[in-house]
């Protein structure tokens, strides 16, 4: 404390003596300065009060991570489509339970061998898409392009084989209006084929964008969303295949 005299009165007053704040560098803290009371008061990148960002040059910046709005929207869409396929499967399973013989004796048998091979084609396409996403995260652009192209071509092949299969079954008399057997096949397989067709169009769009340099290691959300939808189409197929072709 210090004693001062108030001007014009002669009255002596006690006034606290203000010390200059001391600044202390905390070891290992790359943010701002810390006062002698131990609180962060500087402009650094720490978690204390008043953090700003004038830490040492070259210090790593910490950015918030999370799911983008586009990716979250795709997840919600995929969840709704999964509910659709589950509903169709359960509905037809309950209807089938009333049939004493399945498949009906007068209906053509589904081509199992060709369908198994086609399933492997689709799974290979999904694996190629997963490889494309893995390579783009590592910055391997050429490998990403090759994997993306392979996924697209295998997806197209899957659709072509299914189309040929449908034509032959229709020629043998299996139609959607014939009986429940035909309805199960064409509704379930047809719904999946529609999703696969839309997804392949999306893959073609991704290939076009990739050839123009639209996706990089730092910015490839479009590739991620396309891969998510194609992955859903690929993964839902084995369950449909077992239900329609094997059970």
Protein backbone atom coordinates (compact mmCIF):
# COMPACT_ATOMS: atom_id res chain seq x y z
CA UNK A 1 0.00 0.00 0.00
CA UNK A 2 1.11 3.63 -0.59
CA UNK A 3 0.09 6.90 1.10
CA UNK A 4 -1.05 9.76 -1.13
CA UNK A 5 -2.41 13.25 -0.31
CA UNK A 6 -5.65 14.28 -1.97
CA UNK A 7 -5.13 17.65 -3.72
CA UNK A 8 -6.81 20.68 -2.04
CA UNK A 9 -7.81 18.81 1.11
CA UNK A 10 -4.61 17.63 2.65
CA UNK A 11 -6.30 14.36 3.45
CA UNK A 12 -4.05 11.36 3.36
CA UNK A 13 -5.42 8.32 1.58
CA UNK A 14 -4.28 4.75 1.42
CA UNK A 15 -4.01 3.50 -2.18
CA UNK A 16 -3.09 -0.04 -3.21
CA UNK A 17 0.14 -0.37 -5.06
CA UNK A 18 -0.39 -2.03 -8.44
CA UNK A 19 2.38 -4.32 -9.56
CA UNK A 20 3.06 -4.91 -13.20
CA UNK A 21 1.71 -8.27 -14.23
CA UNK A 22 4.37 -10.87 -14.74
CA UNK A 23 4.08 -13.15 -17.75
CA UNK A 24 5.14 -16.74 -17.33
CA UNK A 25 5.72 -19.21 -20.16
CA UNK A 26 4.28 -22.60 -19.28
CA UNK A 27 6.48 -25.44 -20.61
CA UNK A 28 4.80 -27.50 -23.29
CA UNK A 29 2.01 -24.97 -23.85
CA UNK A 30 2.03 -23.60 -27.37
CA UNK A 31 -0.73 -21.07 -26.77
CA UNK A 32 -0.63 -17.60 -25.33
CA UNK A 33 0.91 -16.21 -22.19
CA UNK A 34 -0.12 -17.04 -18.66
CA UNK A 35 -0.25 -14.52 -15.88
CA UNK A 36 1.13 -14.93 -12.39
CA UNK A 37 -2.26 -16.19 -11.30
CA UNK A 38 -1.82 -19.28 -13.48
CA UNK A 39 -4.67 -18.48 -15.91
CA UNK A 40 -4.25 -18.37 -19.65
CA UNK A 41 -4.67 -14.79 -20.84
CA UNK A 42 -2.94 -14.81 -24.16
CA UNK A 43 -3.95 -15.23 -27.79
CA UNK A 44 -2.65 -18.76 -28.25
CA UNK A 45 -4.46 -21.86 -29.36
CA UNK A 46 -4.98 -23.39 -25.94
CA UNK A 47 -8.19 -24.08 -24.14
CA UNK A 48 -7.91 -21.15 -21.70
CA UNK A 49 -9.71 -17.85 -21.81
CA UNK A 50 -9.22 -15.59 -24.75
CA UNK A 51 -7.59 -18.18 -27.04
CA UNK A 52 -6.83 -16.71 -30.44
CA UNK A 53 -4.25 -18.36 -32.59
CA UNK A 54 -0.83 -16.67 -32.55
CA UNK A 55 1.01 -19.76 -31.44
CA UNK A 56 4.38 -20.74 -32.89
CA UNK A 57 4.58 -20.94 -36.65
CA UNK A 58 4.11 -24.47 -37.94
CA UNK A 59 2.25 -25.75 -34.89
CA UNK A 60 -0.49 -28.23 -35.88
CA UNK A 61 -3.99 -26.80 -35.95
CA UNK A 62 -6.76 -28.79 -34.36
CA UNK A 63 -9.94 -28.70 -36.41
CA UNK A 64 -13.29 -30.11 -35.29
CA UNK A 65 -14.13 -33.43 -36.85
CA UNK A 66 -17.54 -34.96 -37.44
CA UNK A 67 -20.00 -36.18 -40.03
CA UNK A 68 -20.87 -33.67 -42.71
CA UNK A 69 -24.48 -32.80 -43.44
CA UNK A 70 -24.36 -34.50 -46.86
CA UNK A 71 -22.94 -37.73 -45.44
CA UNK A 72 -25.47 -37.69 -42.61
CA UNK A 73 -28.26 -37.22 -45.12
CA UNK A 74 -27.02 -40.21 -47.09
CA UNK A 75 -26.98 -42.32 -43.92
CA UNK A 76 -30.60 -41.39 -43.20
CA UNK A 77 -31.59 -42.24 -46.78
CA UNK A 78 -29.83 -45.59 -46.63
CA UNK A 79 -31.56 -46.39 -43.33
CA UNK A 80 -34.96 -45.68 -44.90
CA UNK A 81 -34.15 -47.91 -47.88
CA UNK A 82 -33.02 -50.68 -45.55
CA UNK A 83 -36.41 -50.50 -43.84
CA UNK A 84 -38.07 -50.79 -47.27
CA UNK A 85 -36.19 -53.99 -48.15
CA UNK A 86 -36.80 -55.45 -44.71
CA UNK A 87 -40.52 -54.75 -44.99
CA UNK A 88 -40.76 -56.38 -48.41
CA UNK A 89 -38.83 -59.43 -47.24
CA UNK A 90 -40.94 -59.95 -44.13
CA UNK A 91 -44.17 -59.43 -46.06
CA UNK A 92 -43.31 -62.03 -48.68
CA UNK A 93 -41.99 -64.43 -46.03
CA UNK A 94 -45.34 -64.36 -44.26
CA UNK A 95 -47.18 -64.87 -47.55
CA UNK A 96 -44.96 -67.78 -48.49
CA UNK A 97 -45.71 -69.54 -45.24
CA UNK A 98 -49.23 -70.31 -46.51
CA UNK A 99 -47.94 -72.18 -49.58
CA UNK A 100 -47.54 -75.94 -49.06
CA UNK A 101 -44.98 -76.17 -51.89
CA UNK A 102 -42.31 -73.63 -52.68
CA UNK A 103 -41.43 -72.98 -55.43
CA UNK A 104 -44.60 -74.15 -57.21
CA UNK A 105 -44.07 -77.26 -59.33
CA UNK A 106 -45.38 -75.63 -62.52
CA UNK A 107 -42.98 -72.65 -62.34
CA UNK A 108 -39.53 -72.44 -63.92
CA UNK A 109 -36.55 -72.79 -61.59
CA UNK A 110 -34.27 -69.83 -61.11
CA UNK A 111 -30.78 -70.08 -62.68
CA UNK A 112 -28.74 -70.64 -59.52
CA UNK A 113 -25.27 -71.02 -61.04
CA UNK A 114 -25.47 -67.84 -63.09
CA UNK A 115 -26.85 -65.95 -60.12
CA UNK A 116 -24.02 -67.12 -57.84
CA UNK A 117 -21.47 -65.89 -60.37
CA UNK A 118 -23.33 -62.61 -60.72
CA UNK A 119 -23.32 -62.25 -56.93
CA UNK A 120 -19.54 -62.59 -56.95
CA UNK A 121 -19.39 -59.91 -59.65
CA UNK A 122 -21.38 -57.52 -57.48
CA UNK A 123 -19.27 -58.26 -54.41
CA UNK A 124 -16.16 -57.63 -56.47
CA UNK A 125 -17.58 -54.28 -57.50
CA UNK A 126 -18.16 -53.39 -53.85
CA UNK A 127 -14.60 -54.37 -52.98
CA UNK A 128 -13.28 -52.19 -55.79
CA UNK A 129 -15.31 -49.22 -54.52
CA UNK A 130 -13.94 -49.74 -51.02
CA UNK A 131 -10.45 -49.76 -52.52
CA UNK A 132 -11.13 -46.50 -54.33
CA UNK A 133 -12.13 -44.82 -51.08
CA UNK A 134 -9.07 -46.19 -49.32
CA UNK A 135 -6.74 -44.94 -52.04
CA UNK A 136 -8.24 -41.45 -52.23
CA UNK A 137 -7.70 -41.02 -48.49
CA UNK A 138 -4.04 -41.86 -49.04
CA UNK A 139 -3.72 -39.48 -51.96
CA UNK A 140 -3.12 -42.23 -54.54
CA UNK A 141 -5.05 -40.68 -57.38
CA UNK A 142 -4.28 -43.13 -60.18
CA UNK A 143 -5.13 -46.16 -58.07
CA UNK A 144 -8.37 -44.48 -57.05
CA UNK A 145 -9.32 -43.97 -60.70
CA UNK A 146 -8.63 -47.59 -61.56
CA UNK A 147 -10.66 -48.93 -58.65
CA UNK A 148 -13.56 -46.58 -59.35
CA UNK A 149 -13.63 -47.60 -63.00
CA UNK A 150 -13.51 -51.29 -62.07
CA UNK A 151 -16.40 -50.86 -59.62
CA UNK A 152 -18.48 -49.15 -62.30
CA UNK A 153 -17.80 -51.74 -64.99
CA UNK A 154 -18.57 -54.64 -62.66
CA UNK A 155 -21.79 -52.92 -61.60
CA UNK A 156 -22.84 -52.57 -65.23
CA UNK A 157 -22.01 -56.24 -65.84
CA UNK A 158 -24.20 -57.23 -62.88
CA UNK A 159 -27.16 -55.36 -64.34
CA UNK A 160 -26.64 -56.80 -67.81
CA UNK A 161 -26.58 -60.37 -66.50
CA UNK A 162 -29.73 -59.73 -64.49
CA UNK A 163 -31.47 -58.30 -67.52
CA UNK A 164 -30.62 -61.37 -69.61
CA UNK A 165 -31.85 -63.58 -66.77
CA UNK A 166 -35.15 -61.74 -66.62
CA UNK A 167 -35.75 -62.08 -70.36
CA UNK A 168 -35.22 -65.82 -70.22
CA UNK A 169 -37.50 -66.27 -67.20
CA UNK A 170 -40.28 -64.30 -68.87
CA UNK A 171 -39.93 -66.50 -71.95
CA UNK A 172 -40.31 -69.55 -69.67
CA UNK A 173 -43.56 -68.15 -68.28
CA UNK A 174 -42.48 -66.53 -65.00
CA UNK A 175 -44.25 -63.17 -64.73
CA UNK A 176 -45.07 -60.85 -61.86
CA UNK A 177 -48.82 -61.46 -62.22
CA UNK A 178 -48.61 -65.24 -62.54
CA UNK A 179 -48.60 -66.05 -58.82
CA UNK A 180 -46.90 -65.18 -55.53
CA UNK A 181 -43.71 -66.88 -56.71
CA UNK A 182 -43.38 -64.49 -59.63
CA UNK A 183 -44.35 -61.53 -57.46
CA UNK A 184 -41.68 -62.35 -54.87
CA UNK A 185 -39.03 -62.62 -57.57
CA UNK A 186 -39.82 -59.52 -59.58
CA UNK A 187 -40.73 -57.19 -56.72
CA UNK A 188 -37.75 -57.99 -54.54
CA UNK A 189 -35.22 -58.48 -57.32
CA UNK A 190 -36.72 -55.63 -59.32
CA UNK A 191 -36.54 -53.21 -56.39
CA UNK A 192 -32.90 -54.07 -55.89
CA UNK A 193 -32.22 -53.80 -59.62
CA UNK A 194 -33.74 -50.31 -59.63
CA UNK A 195 -31.46 -49.26 -56.79
CA UNK A 196 -28.50 -50.82 -58.56
CA UNK A 197 -29.35 -48.97 -61.77
CA UNK A 198 -29.54 -45.63 -59.94
CA UNK A 199 -26.30 -46.40 -58.12
CA UNK A 200 -24.51 -47.27 -61.37
CA UNK A 201 -25.62 -43.94 -62.82
CA UNK A 202 -24.10 -42.38 -59.72
CA UNK A 203 -20.87 -44.29 -60.30
CA UNK A 204 -20.72 -43.05 -63.88
CA UNK A 205 -21.16 -39.52 -62.58
CA UNK A 206 -18.32 -40.08 -60.12
CA UNK A 207 -16.05 -41.39 -62.88
CA UNK A 208 -16.81 -38.32 -64.96
CA UNK A 209 -16.13 -35.99 -62.05
CA UNK A 210 -12.96 -37.83 -61.10
CA UNK A 211 -11.59 -37.53 -64.63
CA UNK A 212 -12.02 -33.77 -64.29
CA UNK A 213 -10.18 -33.60 -60.99
CA UNK A 214 -13.26 -33.05 -58.82
CA UNK A 215 -12.03 -35.26 -55.97
CA UNK A 216 -8.81 -34.92 -54.00
CA UNK A 217 -7.37 -36.33 -50.81
CA UNK A 218 -8.71 -33.34 -48.90
CA UNK A 219 -12.09 -33.02 -50.62
CA UNK A 220 -13.90 -36.19 -51.71
CA UNK A 221 -17.27 -36.12 -49.93
CA UNK A 222 -19.06 -36.86 -53.20
CA UNK A 223 -16.99 -40.00 -53.63
CA UNK A 224 -17.77 -41.04 -50.06
CA UNK A 225 -21.53 -40.61 -50.53
CA UNK A 226 -21.50 -42.52 -53.82
CA UNK A 227 -19.49 -45.27 -52.18
CA UNK A 228 -21.91 -45.45 -49.27
CA UNK A 229 -24.93 -45.93 -51.53
CA UNK A 230 -23.16 -48.45 -53.73
CA UNK A 231 -21.98 -50.30 -50.63
CA UNK A 232 -25.58 -50.51 -49.44
CA UNK A 233 -26.70 -51.93 -52.80
CA UNK A 234 -23.91 -54.50 -52.65
CA UNK A 235 -24.46 -55.57 -49.05
CA UNK A 236 -28.24 -55.92 -49.25
CA UNK A 237 -28.01 -58.28 -52.22
CA UNK A 238 -26.70 -61.44 -50.43
CA UNK A 239 -29.72 -61.41 -48.11
CA UNK A 240 -32.12 -61.05 -51.04
CA UNK A 241 -30.27 -63.75 -52.96
CA UNK A 242 -30.55 -66.24 -50.09
CA UNK A 243 -34.25 -65.48 -49.56
CA UNK A 244 -35.29 -65.68 -53.22
CA UNK A 245 -32.90 -68.24 -54.71
CA UNK A 246 -32.07 -70.62 -51.84
CA UNK A 247 -35.00 -70.70 -49.40
